[in-house]
């Protein structure tokens, strides 16, 4: 007759629940997989599947009761680690959406907004277009697999144990958050530069011909130049997005290593 003690049951539960919390937090906060339109059951089911696959390869401190105070502390650690991974990867799309916002405002399309199901909010049409294209490009160069690779590497850099994480990791994560503005500016600068030149030319035209209705002429010209520049910019978005993704992966690895330091 097979008998299972409460200590064995608690050990098995700890072996599963600690990695599961990190994986679920990563999926819930990551781009595409963390989309609010994705049903919660799919997120939980995918987290359970990944946990079953990864657990045999992990080193987990399983002699801790998850219901104890120390077990609760480890659960919080795993939650923060998973959120850090998802948050770092999500910042890629935040930068692209910010670039789309800047481009749309300069083109005069700040009033043209659509409902964004990923963020459950209204965003300018240019930001929506760039966000969808970025998602497709992200999937085309296996960005979702890169996230899973970062998740698997995080268990080696920051294993599941009761050691307290280093506070410097949060500073590194916050520094990566500041890259939103530099990446967004890098993406939107060609369009902003072209529109600045066109607005400068329209200003000179208005001064030389005051009878010209600048609102009737300037808006179509600004839209045409803006869309033409965006079209020329599209082939260069994928290499830049891939570069940002690998930089984000390096940031995740650095944050996990810092978290694992005593």
C-alpha atoms as a PDB file:
ATOM      1  CA  UNK A   1       0.000   0.000   0.000  1.00  0.00           C
ATOM      2  CA  UNK A   2       1.314   3.382  -1.000  1.00  0.00           C
ATOM      3  CA  UNK A   3       1.365   5.986   1.738  1.00  0.00           C
ATOM      4  CA  UNK A   4       2.116   9.667   1.335  1.00  0.00           C
ATOM      5  CA  UNK A   5       3.073  11.753   4.313  1.00  0.00           C
ATOM      6  CA  UNK A   6       2.203  15.412   4.725  1.00  0.00           C
ATOM      7  CA  UNK A   7       5.906  16.297   4.458  1.00  0.00           C
ATOM      8  CA  UNK A   8       6.171  14.555   1.091  1.00  0.00           C
ATOM      9  CA  UNK A   9       2.996  16.222  -0.140  1.00  0.00           C
ATOM     10  CA  UNK A  10       4.300  19.634   0.947  1.00  0.00           C
ATOM     11  CA  UNK A  11       7.625  18.949  -0.810  1.00  0.00           C
ATOM     12  CA  UNK A  12       5.896  18.019  -4.068  1.00  0.00           C
ATOM     13  CA  UNK A  13       3.676  21.074  -3.843  1.00  0.00           C
ATOM     14  CA  UNK A  14       6.687  23.341  -3.266  1.00  0.00           C
ATOM     15  CA  UNK A  15       8.477  21.759  -6.214  1.00  0.00           C
ATOM     16  CA  UNK A  16       5.581  22.754  -8.469  1.00  0.00           C
ATOM     17  CA  UNK A  17       4.067  25.916  -7.000  1.00  0.00           C
ATOM     18  CA  UNK A  18       7.226  28.053  -6.754  1.00  0.00           C
ATOM     19  CA  UNK A  19       8.217  27.774 -10.463  1.00  0.00           C
ATOM     20  CA  UNK A  20       4.551  27.991 -11.452  1.00  0.00           C
ATOM     21  CA  UNK A  21       4.165  31.413  -9.809  1.00  0.00           C
ATOM     22  CA  UNK A  22       7.177  32.816 -11.683  1.00  0.00           C
ATOM     23  CA  UNK A  23       6.009  31.392 -15.008  1.00  0.00           C
ATOM     24  CA  UNK A  24       2.437  32.602 -14.545  1.00  0.00           C
ATOM     25  CA  UNK A  25       3.624  36.101 -13.577  1.00  0.00           C
ATOM     26  CA  UNK A  26       5.824  36.246 -16.682  1.00  0.00           C
ATOM     27  CA  UNK A  27       3.016  35.155 -19.001  1.00  0.00           C
ATOM     28  CA  UNK A  28       0.491  37.532 -17.420  1.00  0.00           C
ATOM     29  CA  UNK A  29       2.800  40.553 -17.814  1.00  0.00           C
ATOM     30  CA  UNK A  30       4.500  39.726 -21.110  1.00  0.00           C
ATOM     31  CA  UNK A  31       3.529  41.105 -24.528  1.00  0.00           C
ATOM     32  CA  UNK A  32       1.183  39.085 -26.771  1.00  0.00           C
ATOM     33  CA  UNK A  33       0.760  36.225 -24.269  1.00  0.00           C
ATOM     34  CA  UNK A  34      -0.286  38.727 -21.605  1.00  0.00           C
ATOM     35  CA  UNK A  35      -2.883  40.343 -23.869  1.00  0.00           C
ATOM     36  CA  UNK A  36      -6.078  40.923 -21.928  1.00  0.00           C
ATOM     37  CA  UNK A  37      -8.021  39.377 -24.788  1.00  0.00           C
ATOM     38  CA  UNK A  38      -6.306  36.032 -24.149  1.00  0.00           C
ATOM     39  CA  UNK A  39      -8.543  34.013 -21.792  1.00  0.00           C
ATOM     40  CA  UNK A  40      -7.263  33.458 -18.273  1.00  0.00           C
ATOM     41  CA  UNK A  41      -7.738  29.697 -18.636  1.00  0.00           C
ATOM     42  CA  UNK A  42      -5.290  29.636 -21.555  1.00  0.00           C
ATOM     43  CA  UNK A  43      -2.708  31.590 -19.561  1.00  0.00           C
ATOM     44  CA  UNK A  44      -3.050  29.268 -16.574  1.00  0.00           C
ATOM     45  CA  UNK A  45      -3.016  26.149 -18.756  1.00  0.00           C
ATOM     46  CA  UNK A  46       0.090  27.310 -20.597  1.00  0.00           C
ATOM     47  CA  UNK A  47       1.765  28.113 -17.278  1.00  0.00           C
ATOM     48  CA  UNK A  48       0.986  24.637 -15.944  1.00  0.00           C
ATOM     49  CA  UNK A  49       2.330  23.038 -19.141  1.00  0.00           C
ATOM     50  CA  UNK A  50       5.572  25.038 -19.017  1.00  0.00           C
ATOM     51  CA  UNK A  51       5.973  24.253 -15.319  1.00  0.00           C
ATOM     52  CA  UNK A  52       5.606  20.518 -15.942  1.00  0.00           C
ATOM     53  CA  UNK A  53       8.219  20.741 -18.708  1.00  0.00           C
ATOM     54  CA  UNK A  54      10.719  22.847 -16.742  1.00  0.00           C
ATOM     55  CA  UNK A  55      10.451  21.375 -13.238  1.00  0.00           C
ATOM     56  CA  UNK A  56      12.589  18.271 -13.944  1.00  0.00           C
ATOM     57  CA  UNK A  57      15.459  20.549 -15.015  1.00  0.00           C
ATOM     58  CA  UNK A  58      15.262  22.934 -12.044  1.00  0.00           C
ATOM     59  CA  UNK A  59      16.866  22.979  -8.636  1.00  0.00           C
ATOM     60  CA  UNK A  60      14.135  23.935  -6.202  1.00  0.00           C
ATOM     61  CA  UNK A  61      14.416  24.168  -2.427  1.00  0.00           C
ATOM     62  CA  UNK A  62      11.495  21.847  -1.796  1.00  0.00           C
ATOM     63  CA  UNK A  63      11.846  21.402   1.965  1.00  0.00           C
ATOM     64  CA  UNK A  64       9.891  24.619   2.593  1.00  0.00           C
ATOM     65  CA  UNK A  65       6.187  24.596   3.234  1.00  0.00           C
ATOM     66  CA  UNK A  66       4.490  27.005   0.779  1.00  0.00           C
ATOM     67  CA  UNK A  67       1.945  27.852   3.475  1.00  0.00           C
ATOM     68  CA  UNK A  68       4.635  29.006   5.924  1.00  0.00           C
ATOM     69  CA  UNK A  69       5.981  32.532   6.286  1.00  0.00           C
ATOM     70  CA  UNK A  70       9.202  31.593   4.495  1.00  0.00           C
ATOM     71  CA  UNK A  71       7.215  29.915   1.743  1.00  0.00           C
ATOM     72  CA  UNK A  72       5.117  33.049   1.313  1.00  0.00           C
ATOM     73  CA  UNK A  73       8.331  35.095   1.058  1.00  0.00           C
ATOM     74  CA  UNK A  74       9.613  32.811  -1.710  1.00  0.00           C
ATOM     75  CA  UNK A  75       6.278  33.096  -3.531  1.00  0.00           C
ATOM     76  CA  UNK A  76       6.614  36.890  -3.500  1.00  0.00           C
ATOM     77  CA  UNK A  77      10.174  36.532  -4.834  1.00  0.00           C
ATOM     78  CA  UNK A  78       8.991  34.347  -7.715  1.00  0.00           C
ATOM     79  CA  UNK A  79       6.139  36.709  -8.464  1.00  0.00           C
ATOM     80  CA  UNK A  80       8.503  39.680  -8.678  1.00  0.00           C
ATOM     81  CA  UNK A  81      10.980  37.731 -10.827  1.00  0.00           C
ATOM     82  CA  UNK A  82       8.268  36.746 -13.312  1.00  0.00           C
ATOM     83  CA  UNK A  83       6.890  40.286 -13.445  1.00  0.00           C
ATOM     84  CA  UNK A  84      10.398  41.641 -14.032  1.00  0.00           C
ATOM     85  CA  UNK A  85      10.844  39.389 -17.076  1.00  0.00           C
ATOM     86  CA  UNK A  86       7.448  40.228 -18.554  1.00  0.00           C
ATOM     87  CA  UNK A  87       7.795  43.930 -17.775  1.00  0.00           C
ATOM     88  CA  UNK A  88      11.208  44.108 -19.450  1.00  0.00           C
ATOM     89  CA  UNK A  89       9.899  42.509 -22.649  1.00  0.00           C
ATOM     90  CA  UNK A  90       6.711  44.597 -22.650  1.00  0.00           C
ATOM     91  CA  UNK A  91       8.738  47.821 -22.644  1.00  0.00           C
ATOM     92  CA  UNK A  92       9.697  47.023 -26.240  1.00  0.00           C
ATOM     93  CA  UNK A  93       6.116  47.529 -27.407  1.00  0.00           C
ATOM     94  CA  UNK A  94       5.628  50.481 -25.104  1.00  0.00           C
ATOM     95  CA  UNK A  95       8.485  52.254 -26.897  1.00  0.00           C
ATOM     96  CA  UNK A  96       6.922  51.502 -30.290  1.00  0.00           C
ATOM     97  CA  UNK A  97       3.514  52.755 -29.146  1.00  0.00           C
ATOM     98  CA  UNK A  98       5.121  55.938 -27.810  1.00  0.00           C
ATOM     99  CA  UNK A  99       6.849  56.426 -31.169  1.00  0.00           C
ATOM    100  CA  UNK A 100       3.471  56.006 -32.872  1.00  0.00           C
ATOM    101  CA  UNK A 101       1.942  58.585 -30.516  1.00  0.00           C
ATOM    102  CA  UNK A 102       4.694  61.093 -31.339  1.00  0.00           C
ATOM    103  CA  UNK A 103       4.349  60.495 -35.069  1.00  0.00           C
ATOM    104  CA  UNK A 104       0.551  60.763 -34.978  1.00  0.00           C
ATOM    105  CA  UNK A 105       0.630  64.046 -33.070  1.00  0.00           C
ATOM    106  CA  UNK A 106       3.155  65.554 -35.504  1.00  0.00           C
ATOM    107  CA  UNK A 107       1.028  64.425 -38.462  1.00  0.00           C
ATOM    108  CA  UNK A 108      -2.086  65.974 -36.972  1.00  0.00           C
ATOM    109  CA  UNK A 109      -3.750  62.629 -36.282  1.00  0.00           C
ATOM    110  CA  UNK A 110      -3.870  63.030 -32.525  1.00  0.00           C
ATOM    111  CA  UNK A 111      -7.667  63.014 -32.729  1.00  0.00           C
ATOM    112  CA  UNK A 112      -7.807  59.791 -34.793  1.00  0.00           C
ATOM    113  CA  UNK A 113      -7.946  57.120 -32.093  1.00  0.00           C
ATOM    114  CA  UNK A 114      -9.002  53.480 -32.014  1.00  0.00           C
ATOM    115  CA  UNK A 115      -9.677  51.020 -29.254  1.00  0.00           C
ATOM    116  CA  UNK A 116      -6.568  49.024 -28.355  1.00  0.00           C
ATOM    117  CA  UNK A 117      -7.604  45.563 -27.055  1.00  0.00           C
ATOM    118  CA  UNK A 118      -4.122  44.814 -25.701  1.00  0.00           C
ATOM    119  CA  UNK A 119      -4.054  47.797 -23.347  1.00  0.00           C
ATOM    120  CA  UNK A 120      -7.881  48.178 -23.134  1.00  0.00           C
ATOM    121  CA  UNK A 121      -7.567  51.870 -23.940  1.00  0.00           C
ATOM    122  CA  UNK A 122      -7.838  54.231 -26.882  1.00  0.00           C
ATOM    123  CA  UNK A 123      -4.630  54.890 -28.818  1.00  0.00           C
ATOM    124  CA  UNK A 124      -3.835  56.947 -31.950  1.00  0.00           C
ATOM    125  CA  UNK A 125      -4.187  55.144 -35.249  1.00  0.00           C
ATOM    126  CA  UNK A 126      -0.453  55.363 -36.085  1.00  0.00           C
ATOM    127  CA  UNK A 127       0.467  53.832 -32.730  1.00  0.00           C
ATOM    128  CA  UNK A 128      -2.071  51.070 -33.354  1.00  0.00           C
ATOM    129  CA  UNK A 129      -0.625  50.287 -36.798  1.00  0.00           C
ATOM    130  CA  UNK A 130       2.964  50.217 -35.548  1.00  0.00           C
ATOM    131  CA  UNK A 131       1.956  48.087 -32.552  1.00  0.00           C
ATOM    132  CA  UNK A 132       0.303  45.446 -34.760  1.00  0.00           C
ATOM    133  CA  UNK A 133       3.267  45.411 -37.149  1.00  0.00           C
ATOM    134  CA  UNK A 134       5.647  45.103 -34.197  1.00  0.00           C
ATOM    135  CA  UNK A 135       3.699  42.104 -32.860  1.00  0.00           C
ATOM    136  CA  UNK A 136       3.873  40.364 -36.234  1.00  0.00           C
ATOM    137  CA  UNK A 137       7.589  41.135 -36.537  1.00  0.00           C
ATOM    138  CA  UNK A 138       8.148  39.950 -32.965  1.00  0.00           C
ATOM    139  CA  UNK A 139       6.595  36.601 -33.818  1.00  0.00           C
ATOM    140  CA  UNK A 140       8.450  36.402 -37.138  1.00  0.00           C
ATOM    141  CA  UNK A 141      11.879  36.344 -35.492  1.00  0.00           C
ATOM    142  CA  UNK A 142      10.677  34.039 -32.680  1.00  0.00           C
ATOM    143  CA  UNK A 143      10.419  36.692 -30.005  1.00  0.00           C
ATOM    144  CA  UNK A 144       8.040  34.475 -28.023  1.00  0.00           C
ATOM    145  CA  UNK A 145      10.726  31.767 -27.949  1.00  0.00           C
ATOM    146  CA  UNK A 146      13.245  34.361 -26.812  1.00  0.00           C
ATOM    147  CA  UNK A 147      10.973  35.113 -23.857  1.00  0.00           C
ATOM    148  CA  UNK A 148      10.809  31.438 -22.958  1.00  0.00           C
ATOM    149  CA  UNK A 149      14.590  31.238 -23.235  1.00  0.00           C
ATOM    150  CA  UNK A 150      14.916  34.182 -20.857  1.00  0.00           C
ATOM    151  CA  UNK A 151      12.496  32.459 -18.475  1.00  0.00           C
ATOM    152  CA  UNK A 152      14.490  29.198 -18.501  1.00  0.00           C
ATOM    153  CA  UNK A 153      17.771  31.056 -17.988  1.00  0.00           C
ATOM    154  CA  UNK A 154      16.277  33.003 -15.081  1.00  0.00           C
ATOM    155  CA  UNK A 155      15.937  29.816 -13.020  1.00  0.00           C
ATOM    156  CA  UNK A 156      19.675  29.232 -13.353  1.00  0.00           C
ATOM    157  CA  UNK A 157      20.648  32.830 -12.603  1.00  0.00           C
ATOM    158  CA  UNK A 158      18.094  33.276  -9.797  1.00  0.00           C
ATOM    159  CA  UNK A 159      17.142  29.807  -8.499  1.00  0.00           C
ATOM    160  CA  UNK A 160      14.193  29.124  -6.267  1.00  0.00           C
ATOM    161  CA  UNK A 161      15.526  29.405  -2.724  1.00  0.00           C
ATOM    162  CA  UNK A 162      15.109  31.472   0.413  1.00  0.00           C
ATOM    163  CA  UNK A 163      18.073  33.799  -0.241  1.00  0.00           C
ATOM    164  CA  UNK A 164      16.948  37.459  -0.275  1.00  0.00           C
ATOM    165  CA  UNK A 165      17.344  39.231  -3.650  1.00  0.00           C
ATOM    166  CA  UNK A 166      19.757  42.115  -4.177  1.00  0.00           C
ATOM    167  CA  UNK A 167      18.183  45.575  -4.278  1.00  0.00           C
ATOM    168  CA  UNK A 168      20.481  46.745  -7.086  1.00  0.00           C
ATOM    169  CA  UNK A 169      18.485  44.612  -9.522  1.00  0.00           C
ATOM    170  CA  UNK A 170      15.530  46.994  -9.164  1.00  0.00           C
ATOM    171  CA  UNK A 171      17.778  49.901 -10.134  1.00  0.00           C
ATOM    172  CA  UNK A 172      18.855  48.042 -13.280  1.00  0.00           C
ATOM    173  CA  UNK A 173      15.213  47.358 -14.132  1.00  0.00           C
ATOM    174  CA  UNK A 174      14.304  51.021 -13.642  1.00  0.00           C
ATOM    175  CA  UNK A 175      17.219  52.069 -15.854  1.00  0.00           C
ATOM    176  CA  UNK A 176      15.900  49.849 -18.632  1.00  0.00           C
ATOM    177  CA  UNK A 177      12.536  51.580 -18.226  1.00  0.00           C
ATOM    178  CA  UNK A 178      14.217  54.835 -19.184  1.00  0.00           C
ATOM    179  CA  UNK A 179      15.121  53.317 -22.538  1.00  0.00           C
ATOM    180  CA  UNK A 180      11.486  53.727 -23.613  1.00  0.00           C
ATOM    181  CA  UNK A 181      12.132  57.365 -24.490  1.00  0.00           C
ATOM    182  CA  UNK A 182      15.406  56.795 -26.355  1.00  0.00           C
ATOM    183  CA  UNK A 183      13.987  53.881 -28.377  1.00  0.00           C
ATOM    184  CA  UNK A 184      10.774  55.782 -29.160  1.00  0.00           C
ATOM    185  CA  UNK A 185      12.754  58.820 -30.268  1.00  0.00           C
ATOM    186  CA  UNK A 186      15.017  56.652 -32.411  1.00  0.00           C
ATOM    187  CA  UNK A 187      11.978  55.146 -34.149  1.00  0.00           C
ATOM    188  CA  UNK A 188      10.084  58.394 -34.666  1.00  0.00           C
ATOM    189  CA  UNK A 189      12.972  60.763 -35.458  1.00  0.00           C
ATOM    190  CA  UNK A 190      12.919  60.245 -39.289  1.00  0.00           C
ATOM    191  CA  UNK A 191       9.209  61.075 -39.467  1.00  0.00           C
ATOM    192  CA  UNK A 192       9.492  63.971 -37.019  1.00  0.00           C
ATOM    193  CA  UNK A 193      12.459  65.359 -39.002  1.00  0.00           C
ATOM    194  CA  UNK A 194      10.584  65.150 -42.317  1.00  0.00           C
ATOM    195  CA  UNK A 195       7.491  66.795 -40.836  1.00  0.00           C
ATOM    196  CA  UNK A 196       9.602  69.513 -39.236  1.00  0.00           C
ATOM    197  CA  UNK A 197      11.114  70.355 -42.624  1.00  0.00           C
ATOM    198  CA  UNK A 198       7.674  70.347 -44.277  1.00  0.00           C
ATOM    199  CA  UNK A 199       6.212  72.600 -41.574  1.00  0.00           C
ATOM    200  CA  UNK A 200       9.169  74.941 -41.979  1.00  0.00           C
ATOM    201  CA  UNK A 201       8.526  75.077 -45.744  1.00  0.00           C
ATOM    202  CA  UNK A 202       4.807  75.690 -45.162  1.00  0.00           C
ATOM    203  CA  UNK A 203       5.678  78.527 -42.799  1.00  0.00           C
ATOM    204  CA  UNK A 204       7.833  80.175 -45.461  1.00  0.00           C
ATOM    205  CA  UNK A 205       5.047  79.633 -48.008  1.00  0.00           C
ATOM    206  CA  UNK A 206       2.533  81.291 -45.706  1.00  0.00           C
ATOM    207  CA  UNK A 207       4.770  84.324 -45.235  1.00  0.00           C
ATOM    208  CA  UNK A 208       5.302  84.695 -48.988  1.00  0.00           C
ATOM    209  CA  UNK A 209       1.629  84.169 -49.866  1.00  0.00           C
ATOM    210  CA  UNK A 210      -0.576  85.366 -46.968  1.00  0.00           C
ATOM    211  CA  UNK A 211      -3.751  84.809 -48.977  1.00  0.00           C
ATOM    212  CA  UNK A 212      -3.050  81.062 -49.033  1.00  0.00           C
ATOM    213  CA  UNK A 213      -5.289  79.031 -46.710  1.00  0.00           C
ATOM    214  CA  UNK A 214      -2.610  77.112 -44.820  1.00  0.00           C
ATOM    215  CA  UNK A 215      -5.157  74.890 -43.046  1.00  0.00           C
ATOM    216  CA  UNK A 216      -6.639  73.713 -46.353  1.00  0.00           C
ATOM    217  CA  UNK A 217      -3.239  73.087 -47.956  1.00  0.00           C
ATOM    218  CA  UNK A 218      -0.978  72.213 -45.047  1.00  0.00           C
ATOM    219  CA  UNK A 219      -2.966  69.339 -43.554  1.00  0.00           C
ATOM    220  CA  UNK A 220      -3.031  67.138 -46.711  1.00  0.00           C
ATOM    221  CA  UNK A 221       0.653  67.875 -47.340  1.00  0.00           C
ATOM    222  CA  UNK A 222       1.574  66.957 -43.767  1.00  0.00           C
ATOM    223  CA  UNK A 223      -0.418  63.711 -43.967  1.00  0.00           C
ATOM    224  CA  UNK A 224       1.106  62.756 -47.312  1.00  0.00           C
ATOM    225  CA  UNK A 225       4.669  63.395 -46.172  1.00  0.00           C
ATOM    226  CA  UNK A 226       4.027  61.643 -42.861  1.00  0.00           C
ATOM    227  CA  UNK A 227       2.590  58.479 -44.408  1.00  0.00           C
ATOM    228  CA  UNK A 228       5.291  58.420 -47.091  1.00  0.00           C
ATOM    229  CA  UNK A 229       8.020  58.647 -44.448  1.00  0.00           C
ATOM    230  CA  UNK A 230       6.354  55.937 -42.337  1.00  0.00           C
ATOM    231  CA  UNK A 231       6.227  53.701 -45.435  1.00  0.00           C
ATOM    232  CA  UNK A 232       9.945  54.247 -46.021  1.00  0.00           C
ATOM    233  CA  UNK A 233      10.612  53.610 -42.330  1.00  0.00           C
ATOM    234  CA  UNK A 234       8.817  50.243 -42.157  1.00  0.00           C
ATOM    235  CA  UNK A 235      11.651  48.082 -43.628  1.00  0.00           C
ATOM    236  CA  UNK A 236      13.999  49.401 -40.942  1.00  0.00           C
ATOM    237  CA  UNK A 237      11.676  48.704 -38.013  1.00  0.00           C
ATOM    238  CA  UNK A 238      12.230  44.925 -37.937  1.00  0.00           C
ATOM    239  CA  UNK A 239      16.058  45.050 -37.532  1.00  0.00           C
ATOM    240  CA  UNK A 240      15.690  47.755 -34.889  1.00  0.00           C
ATOM    241  CA  UNK A 241      12.983  45.777 -33.086  1.00  0.00           C
ATOM    242  CA  UNK A 242      15.150  42.645 -33.156  1.00  0.00           C
ATOM    243  CA  UNK A 243      18.075  44.599 -31.741  1.00  0.00           C
ATOM    244  CA  UNK A 244      15.909  46.031 -28.945  1.00  0.00           C
ATOM    245  CA  UNK A 245      14.589  42.539 -28.185  1.00  0.00           C
ATOM    246  CA  UNK A 246      18.084  41.087 -27.761  1.00  0.00           C
ATOM    247  CA  UNK A 247      19.047  44.089 -25.630  1.00  0.00           C
ATOM    248  CA  UNK A 248      15.974  43.412 -23.513  1.00  0.00           C
ATOM    249  CA  UNK A 249      17.032  39.761 -23.185  1.00  0.00           C
ATOM    250  CA  UNK A 250      20.469  40.858 -21.974  1.00  0.00           C
ATOM    251  CA  UNK A 251      18.769  43.145 -19.450  1.00  0.00           C
ATOM    252  CA  UNK A 252      16.651  40.257 -18.167  1.00  0.00           C
ATOM    253  CA  UNK A 253      19.734  38.104 -17.699  1.00  0.00           C
ATOM    254  CA  UNK A 254      21.547  40.914 -15.890  1.00  0.00           C
ATOM    255  CA  UNK A 255      18.578  41.543 -13.590  1.00  0.00           C
ATOM    256  CA  UNK A 256      18.268  37.836 -12.768  1.00  0.00           C
ATOM    257  CA  UNK A 257      21.988  37.553 -12.007  1.00  0.00           C
ATOM    258  CA  UNK A 258      21.739  40.577  -9.719  1.00  0.00           C
ATOM    259  CA  UNK A 259      18.702  39.090  -7.997  1.00  0.00           C
ATOM    260  CA  UNK A 260      20.639  35.886  -7.413  1.00  0.00           C
ATOM    261  CA  UNK A 261      23.565  37.651  -5.743  1.00  0.00           C
ATOM    262  CA  UNK A 262      23.559  37.398  -1.915  1.00  0.00           C
END
